[in-house]
Protein backbone atom coordinates (compact mmCIF):
# COMPACT_ATOMS: atom_id res chain seq x y z
CA MET A 1 10.44 -12.78 -11.17
CA ILE A 2 11.67 -10.91 -14.24
CA ILE A 3 8.81 -8.83 -15.64
CA ASP A 4 10.57 -6.85 -18.38
CA CYS A 5 13.81 -7.43 -20.26
CA PRO A 6 15.24 -6.91 -23.77
CA ASP A 7 15.86 -10.68 -23.78
CA ALA A 8 12.22 -11.80 -23.93
CA ALA A 9 13.22 -15.40 -23.09
CA LEU A 10 13.92 -14.28 -19.51
CA ILE A 11 10.52 -12.68 -18.90
CA GLY A 12 8.39 -14.69 -16.48
CA LYS A 13 11.36 -16.56 -14.99
CA ASN A 14 12.97 -15.96 -11.64
CA PHE A 15 16.71 -15.51 -11.19
CA GLU A 16 17.12 -18.99 -9.71
CA GLU A 17 15.58 -20.60 -12.79
CA VAL A 18 17.92 -18.68 -15.09
CA THR A 19 20.85 -19.57 -12.81
CA ARG A 20 20.12 -23.29 -13.08
CA ALA A 21 19.82 -23.09 -16.86
CA ARG A 22 23.14 -21.24 -17.22
CA GLY A 23 25.07 -23.05 -14.48
CA VAL A 24 26.32 -19.91 -12.73
CA HIS A 25 25.98 -18.49 -9.22
CA VAL A 26 22.82 -16.44 -8.71
CA VAL A 27 24.75 -13.33 -7.60
CA ASP A 28 26.99 -13.49 -10.69
CA LEU A 29 23.93 -13.90 -12.89
CA PHE A 30 22.14 -10.97 -11.28
CA LEU A 31 25.13 -8.65 -11.66
CA ASP A 32 25.75 -9.80 -15.24
CA LEU A 33 22.14 -9.08 -16.20
CA VAL A 34 22.22 -5.63 -14.60
CA VAL A 35 25.49 -4.83 -16.41
CA GLU A 36 24.09 -6.14 -19.71
CA PHE A 37 20.63 -4.58 -19.58
CA GLY A 38 20.94 -1.73 -17.07
CA ARG A 39 17.60 -0.03 -16.43
CA ASN A 40 15.92 -2.10 -19.12
CA ILE A 41 15.56 -5.15 -16.88
CA ARG A 42 12.84 -5.07 -14.24
CA TRP A 43 11.82 -7.69 -11.72
CA TYR A 44 9.23 -8.27 -9.02
CA THR A 45 10.37 -9.30 -5.54
CA THR A 46 8.29 -10.53 -2.63
CA VAL A 47 9.89 -9.09 0.49
CA GLY A 48 7.37 -10.13 3.12
CA ASN A 49 3.79 -10.79 4.22
CA HIS A 50 3.43 -13.73 1.83
CA ARG A 51 2.63 -16.23 4.62
CA LYS A 52 -1.00 -15.39 5.36
CA GLN A 53 -1.25 -17.26 8.68
CA VAL A 54 1.83 -15.47 10.02
CA LEU A 55 0.48 -12.14 8.76
CA LYS A 56 -2.82 -12.75 10.55
CA ARG A 57 -0.95 -13.37 13.81
CA LEU A 58 1.09 -10.22 13.37
CA VAL A 59 -1.78 -7.83 12.66
CA LYS A 60 -3.73 -8.88 15.73
CA ASP A 61 -0.74 -8.90 18.09
CA PRO A 62 -1.09 -5.81 20.34
CA ARG A 63 2.69 -5.33 20.13
CA SER A 64 2.45 -4.71 16.37
CA LEU A 65 1.90 -1.14 15.23
CA ILE A 66 0.19 -1.09 11.83
CA THR A 67 1.38 2.25 10.51
CA PHE A 68 2.37 3.69 7.16
CA SER A 69 4.32 2.01 4.39
CA ASP A 70 7.73 3.20 3.26
CA ALA A 71 6.72 3.26 -0.40
CA GLY A 72 6.75 7.04 -0.64
CA ALA A 73 10.52 7.01 -0.18
CA HIS A 74 11.04 4.59 -3.08
CA ILE A 75 8.67 5.78 -5.77
CA ARG A 76 10.43 4.07 -8.67
CA ASN A 77 10.81 0.57 -7.24
CA MET A 78 8.00 -0.20 -4.82
CA ALA A 79 4.36 0.67 -4.26
CA PHE A 80 2.34 -0.35 -1.25
CA TYR A 81 0.75 2.97 -0.45
CA ASN A 82 -2.48 1.06 0.06
CA LEU A 83 -1.23 -0.81 3.13
CA PRO A 84 -4.33 0.13 5.21
CA LEU A 85 -6.63 -1.19 2.48
CA ARG A 86 -4.65 -4.45 2.39
CA MET A 87 -5.07 -4.78 6.15
CA LEU A 88 -8.83 -4.17 5.91
CA LYS A 89 -9.13 -6.66 3.04
CA LEU A 90 -7.28 -9.31 5.07
CA VAL A 91 -9.70 -8.85 7.96
CA HIS A 92 -12.73 -8.68 5.65
CA GLU A 93 -11.75 -11.97 3.98
CA SER A 94 -11.12 -13.66 7.34
CA ILE A 95 -14.63 -12.68 8.47
CA ASN A 96 -16.16 -13.98 5.23
CA ASP A 97 -14.20 -17.23 5.64
CA GLY A 98 -15.70 -17.72 9.11
CA ASP A 99 -12.34 -17.39 10.89
CA PRO A 100 -12.16 -13.69 11.83
CA ILE A 101 -8.84 -12.19 12.85
CA MET A 102 -10.79 -9.37 14.50
CA THR A 103 -13.92 -7.34 13.80
CA THR A 104 -13.96 -4.68 11.09
CA GLU A 105 -14.30 -2.05 13.81
CA GLN A 106 -11.20 -3.37 15.57
CA ALA A 107 -9.29 -3.32 12.28
CA VAL A 108 -10.23 0.32 11.69
CA HIS A 109 -9.10 1.17 15.23
CA ARG A 110 -5.78 -0.64 14.66
CA LEU A 111 -5.19 1.63 11.67
CA THR A 112 -6.33 4.87 13.32
CA GLY A 113 -6.80 5.19 17.08
CA ASP A 114 -4.09 2.67 17.98
CA GLN A 115 -1.51 4.64 16.05
CA ALA A 116 -2.67 8.00 17.35
CA ASP A 117 -2.54 6.77 20.94
CA TRP A 118 0.94 5.30 20.51
CA PHE A 119 2.33 8.48 18.96
CA GLY A 120 0.46 10.70 21.44
CA VAL A 121 -1.48 12.50 18.72
CA ASP A 122 -5.02 13.80 19.22
CA ALA A 123 -6.51 11.98 16.23
CA GLY A 124 -7.82 8.60 15.14
CA LYS A 125 -11.24 8.81 16.79
CA ILE A 126 -14.65 10.13 15.76
CA ARG A 127 -16.01 12.34 18.55
CA GLU A 128 -18.67 15.03 18.68
CA GLY A 129 -17.16 18.47 18.20
CA ASP A 130 -13.80 17.06 17.11
CA ARG A 131 -11.96 17.57 13.84
CA ALA A 132 -13.66 15.35 11.24
CA ASP A 133 -11.08 13.21 9.44
CA VAL A 134 -13.14 10.43 7.88
CA VAL A 135 -12.65 7.89 5.08
CA VAL A 136 -15.71 6.05 3.70
CA ILE A 137 -14.91 2.77 1.98
CA ASP A 138 -16.97 0.17 0.13
CA PRO A 139 -15.86 -3.35 1.16
CA ALA A 140 -17.30 -4.72 -2.09
CA GLY A 141 -14.19 -3.25 -3.73
CA PHE A 142 -11.96 -5.71 -1.88
CA ASN A 143 -12.63 -8.32 -4.56
CA GLN A 144 -9.71 -6.91 -6.59
CA ASP A 145 -5.98 -7.63 -6.34
CA LEU A 146 -4.61 -4.86 -4.12
CA GLU A 147 -1.01 -5.83 -4.88
CA GLN A 148 -1.16 -4.69 -8.50
CA VAL A 149 1.12 -1.78 -9.33
CA HIS A 150 0.94 0.61 -12.26
CA TRP A 151 3.05 3.37 -13.73
CA GLY A 152 1.84 6.90 -13.09
CA GLU A 153 3.16 10.17 -14.46
CA MET A 154 5.12 12.47 -12.14
CA GLU A 155 3.85 15.90 -13.05
CA ASN A 156 6.62 18.42 -13.88
CA PHE A 157 9.38 15.79 -13.64
CA ASP A 158 9.07 13.92 -16.96
CA LEU A 159 9.32 10.67 -14.98
CA GLN A 160 7.06 7.83 -14.00
CA ARG A 161 6.51 6.38 -10.55
CA LEU A 162 4.91 3.19 -9.28
CA VAL A 163 1.39 3.66 -7.93
CA ASN A 164 -1.51 1.59 -6.60
CA ARG A 165 -4.87 2.04 -8.33
CA ASN A 166 -7.78 0.51 -6.44
CA PRO A 167 -11.02 1.87 -7.88
CA GLY A 168 -14.29 1.15 -6.14
CA ILE A 169 -13.01 1.16 -2.54
CA VAL A 170 -12.39 4.69 -1.22
CA LYS A 171 -15.62 6.58 -1.91
CA THR A 172 -15.42 9.69 0.27
CA VAL A 173 -12.71 11.44 2.28
CA LEU A 174 -13.23 14.28 4.75
CA ILE A 175 -10.16 16.11 6.03
CA ASN A 176 -10.74 18.51 8.89
CA GLY A 177 -14.44 18.41 8.01
CA ARG A 178 -13.87 19.43 4.39
CA LEU A 179 -14.78 17.20 1.46
CA ALA A 180 -11.52 16.12 -0.21
CA VAL A 181 -12.83 13.13 -2.20
CA ASP A 182 -16.41 12.60 -3.30
CA ASP A 183 -17.53 9.54 -5.27
CA GLU A 184 -13.86 8.65 -5.87
CA GLU A 185 -13.07 12.07 -7.37
CA PHE A 186 -10.93 14.79 -5.80
CA SER A 187 -12.80 17.92 -4.79
CA PRO A 188 -11.89 20.87 -7.09
CA SER A 189 -10.65 22.82 -4.06
CA PHE A 190 -8.45 20.02 -2.69
CA GLY A 191 -4.78 20.93 -3.03
CA ARG A 192 -5.68 24.48 -4.06
CA GLU A 193 -7.27 25.91 -0.93
CA MET A 194 -6.13 26.03 2.68
CA GLY A 195 -7.95 24.40 5.56
CA TYR A 196 -7.79 20.73 4.72
CA GLY A 197 -5.08 19.78 7.13
CA GLN A 198 -3.27 21.10 10.14
CA PHE A 199 -0.20 20.29 12.17
CA ILE A 200 -1.09 18.05 15.11
CA PRO A 201 1.63 18.04 17.77
CA ALA A 202 2.23 15.06 20.03
CA ARG A 203 0.81 15.45 23.52
């Protein structure tokens, strides 16, 4: 769907709708619009995970590895940095609907211990005496649309990037036992002092 364009009549329409109205091939239309408007035309594309029943099957399949998103490599045209929150919301909603995909605990393990075990990394579990990497979330925050994207400033680059803003969910973050986020605010020492993270080699 076209979300921004100098030709305001196109905003809110998808390329197929414009194609039908103009009687041209969709590829020709797309290229013509990009040539005409360049970087001033923006659109939203659904690339996957829009069929909820299929998504539910995928996330509980033991052959699926629920890892990181690729959004960090494409900071100007996609933002799904919050992929783990989306997974937890999907499970949370399925439990509330009375048709659970899995328990909340299993969902957390899929996002942490499962990955660590697969990659052979000593992480993803809470154990006495171990490095404390902990995220505290408030499930009440899942009542918002996690697919919303916003523009955020890129410090020192005079550019903007796409970001996810999901207030009210991630309350506290401990990295290596040190408080990195408290009450949704970064600790003053985070990013300025050493000791928050460490290299963890594969076993």
